[in-house]
Amino acid sequence: AGETRDIEVPVEVGVLRVFFSARSSGDFKLELISPSGRVIPLTEPNIAVTESNGKKTVAMWDPRPGLWKMRIVGSGDFTAAAWAQGELYICC
């Protein structure tokens, strides 16, 4: 089964889209845990998943603000990243 790692990802109000990405030298599974603690199916209509060369990236539109978790289960060395897309308003 391998090791399980949870990585916290804070998502602020106003984020339009958030990306979760992981790469591993071995087999792995990437899960997303909502701020309420629910495992989110990667088949939801606001989610797109891309996979290539040992890397999996999940894009989620209109995420709920709060503390999300990326759960990585597997073996081998891994790297993980998360980033957000939002709007920036500059006045005056």
C-alpha atoms as a PDB file:
ATOM      1  CA  ALA A   1       0.000   0.000   0.000  1.00  0.00           C
ATOM      2  CA  GLY A   2       2.833   2.408   0.769  1.00  0.00           C
ATOM      3  CA  GLU A   3       3.079   5.510   2.855  1.00  0.00           C
ATOM      4  CA  THR A   4       0.379   8.172   3.284  1.00  0.00           C
ATOM      5  CA  ARG A   5       1.211  11.875   3.328  1.00  0.00           C
ATOM      6  CA  ASP A   6      -1.259  14.727   3.841  1.00  0.00           C
ATOM      7  CA  ILE A   7      -0.218  18.152   2.585  1.00  0.00           C
ATOM      8  CA  GLU A   8      -2.290  21.146   3.691  1.00  0.00           C
ATOM      9  CA  VAL A   9      -3.326  23.634   1.003  1.00  0.00           C
ATOM     10  CA  PRO A  10      -5.054  26.835   2.172  1.00  0.00           C
ATOM     11  CA  VAL A  11      -7.556  28.200  -0.377  1.00  0.00           C
ATOM     12  CA  GLU A  12      -8.680  31.793   0.062  1.00  0.00           C
ATOM     13  CA  VAL A  13     -12.016  33.407  -0.766  1.00  0.00           C
ATOM     14  CA  GLY A  14     -12.081  34.573  -4.390  1.00  0.00           C
ATOM     15  CA  VAL A  15      -9.993  31.761  -5.866  1.00  0.00           C
ATOM     16  CA  LEU A  16     -11.412  30.852  -9.290  1.00  0.00           C
ATOM     17  CA  ARG A  17      -9.402  27.683  -9.838  1.00  0.00           C
ATOM     18  CA  VAL A  18      -6.888  25.699  -7.803  1.00  0.00           C
ATOM     19  CA  PHE A  19      -4.374  23.149  -9.073  1.00  0.00           C
ATOM     20  CA  PHE A  20      -2.998  20.183  -7.113  1.00  0.00           C
ATOM     21  CA  SER A  21      -0.050  18.332  -8.628  1.00  0.00           C
ATOM     22  CA  ALA A  22       2.090  15.387  -7.579  1.00  0.00           C
ATOM     23  CA  ARG A  23       4.863  13.344  -9.162  1.00  0.00           C
ATOM     24  CA  SER A  24       6.388  10.143  -7.825  1.00  0.00           C
ATOM     25  CA  SER A  25       9.143   7.725  -8.762  1.00  0.00           C
ATOM     26  CA  GLY A  26       6.762   4.884  -7.804  1.00  0.00           C
ATOM     27  CA  ASP A  27       3.061   4.124  -8.004  1.00  0.00           C
ATOM     28  CA  PHE A  28       0.852   6.565  -6.119  1.00  0.00           C
ATOM     29  CA  LYS A  29      -2.710   7.721  -5.617  1.00  0.00           C
ATOM     30  CA  LEU A  30      -3.696  11.377  -5.185  1.00  0.00           C
ATOM     31  CA  GLU A  31      -6.819  12.248  -3.203  1.00  0.00           C
ATOM     32  CA  LEU A  32      -8.306  15.627  -2.336  1.00  0.00           C
ATOM     33  CA  ILE A  33      -9.841  16.225   1.077  1.00  0.00           C
ATOM     34  CA  SER A  34     -12.268  19.153   1.375  1.00  0.00           C
ATOM     35  CA  PRO A  35     -12.211  21.619   4.300  1.00  0.00           C
ATOM     36  CA  SER A  36     -15.129  19.636   5.789  1.00  0.00           C
ATOM     37  CA  GLY A  37     -13.048  16.425   5.703  1.00  0.00           C
ATOM     38  CA  ARG A  38     -14.804  14.766   2.746  1.00  0.00           C
ATOM     39  CA  VAL A  39     -12.806  12.898   0.098  1.00  0.00           C
ATOM     40  CA  ILE A  40     -13.715  14.550  -3.209  1.00  0.00           C
ATOM     41  CA  PRO A  41     -14.264  12.215  -6.178  1.00  0.00           C
ATOM     42  CA  LEU A  42     -11.987  13.269  -9.038  1.00  0.00           C
ATOM     43  CA  THR A  43     -14.942  12.677 -11.375  1.00  0.00           C
ATOM     44  CA  GLU A  44     -16.872  15.743 -10.138  1.00  0.00           C
ATOM     45  CA  PRO A  45     -17.978  18.077 -12.982  1.00  0.00           C
ATOM     46  CA  ASN A  46     -15.791  20.978 -11.754  1.00  0.00           C
ATOM     47  CA  ILE A  47     -12.610  18.831 -11.782  1.00  0.00           C
ATOM     48  CA  ALA A  48     -10.233  17.968 -14.615  1.00  0.00           C
ATOM     49  CA  VAL A  49      -7.393  15.441 -14.203  1.00  0.00           C
ATOM     50  CA  THR A  50      -4.325  15.114 -16.412  1.00  0.00           C
ATOM     51  CA  GLU A  51      -1.676  12.409 -16.095  1.00  0.00           C
ATOM     52  CA  SER A  52       1.642  11.939 -17.874  1.00  0.00           C
ATOM     53  CA  ASN A  53       5.094  10.552 -17.071  1.00  0.00           C
ATOM     54  CA  GLY A  54       4.374   9.801 -13.404  1.00  0.00           C
ATOM     55  CA  LYS A  55       2.782  13.212 -12.778  1.00  0.00           C
ATOM     56  CA  LYS A  56      -0.876  13.813 -11.947  1.00  0.00           C
ATOM     57  CA  THR A  57      -2.431  17.289 -11.948  1.00  0.00           C
ATOM     58  CA  VAL A  58      -5.952  18.028 -10.737  1.00  0.00           C
ATOM     59  CA  ALA A  59      -7.608  21.337 -11.655  1.00  0.00           C
ATOM     60  CA  MET A  60     -10.662  22.356  -9.631  1.00  0.00           C
ATOM     61  CA  TRP A  61     -12.890  25.267 -10.598  1.00  0.00           C
ATOM     62  CA  ASP A  62     -14.713  27.276  -7.924  1.00  0.00           C
ATOM     63  CA  PRO A  63     -13.200  25.551  -4.870  1.00  0.00           C
ATOM     64  CA  ARG A  64     -14.707  26.057  -1.426  1.00  0.00           C
ATOM     65  CA  PRO A  65     -12.467  28.373   0.655  1.00  0.00           C
ATOM     66  CA  GLY A  66     -10.693  26.751   3.582  1.00  0.00           C
ATOM     67  CA  LEU A  67      -7.942  24.296   4.393  1.00  0.00           C
ATOM     68  CA  TRP A  68      -7.797  21.559   1.758  1.00  0.00           C
ATOM     69  CA  LYS A  69      -5.507  18.528   1.891  1.00  0.00           C
ATOM     70  CA  MET A  70      -3.689  16.662  -0.828  1.00  0.00           C
ATOM     71  CA  ARG A  71      -3.383  13.039   0.267  1.00  0.00           C
ATOM     72  CA  ILE A  72      -0.637  11.113  -1.493  1.00  0.00           C
ATOM     73  CA  VAL A  73      -0.561   7.340  -0.959  1.00  0.00           C
ATOM     74  CA  GLY A  74       2.233   5.303  -2.492  1.00  0.00           C
ATOM     75  CA  SER A  75       5.893   4.461  -2.493  1.00  0.00           C
ATOM     76  CA  GLY A  76       9.042   6.122  -3.796  1.00  0.00           C
ATOM     77  CA  ASP A  77      10.180   9.727  -3.739  1.00  0.00           C
ATOM     78  CA  PHE A  78       7.561  12.338  -4.546  1.00  0.00           C
ATOM     79  CA  THR A  79       7.137  16.044  -5.117  1.00  0.00           C
ATOM     80  CA  ALA A  80       3.910  17.956  -4.686  1.00  0.00           C
ATOM     81  CA  ALA A  81       2.741  21.463  -5.526  1.00  0.00           C
ATOM     82  CA  ALA A  82      -0.441  23.512  -5.414  1.00  0.00           C
ATOM     83  CA  TRP A  83      -1.248  26.873  -6.920  1.00  0.00           C
ATOM     84  CA  ALA A  84      -4.301  29.058  -7.391  1.00  0.00           C
ATOM     85  CA  GLN A  85      -5.778  31.304 -10.045  1.00  0.00           C
ATOM     86  CA  GLY A  86      -7.826  34.302  -8.997  1.00  0.00           C
ATOM     87  CA  GLU A  87      -8.528  37.881  -9.885  1.00  0.00           C
ATOM     88  CA  LEU A  88      -6.516  40.856  -8.722  1.00  0.00           C
ATOM     89  CA  TYR A  89      -8.144  44.261  -8.442  1.00  0.00           C
ATOM     90  CA  ILE A  90      -5.895  47.313  -8.321  1.00  0.00           C
ATOM     91  CA  CYS A  91      -7.420  50.643  -7.521  1.00  0.00           C
ATOM     92  CA  CYS A  92      -6.208  54.205  -7.765  1.00  0.00           C
END
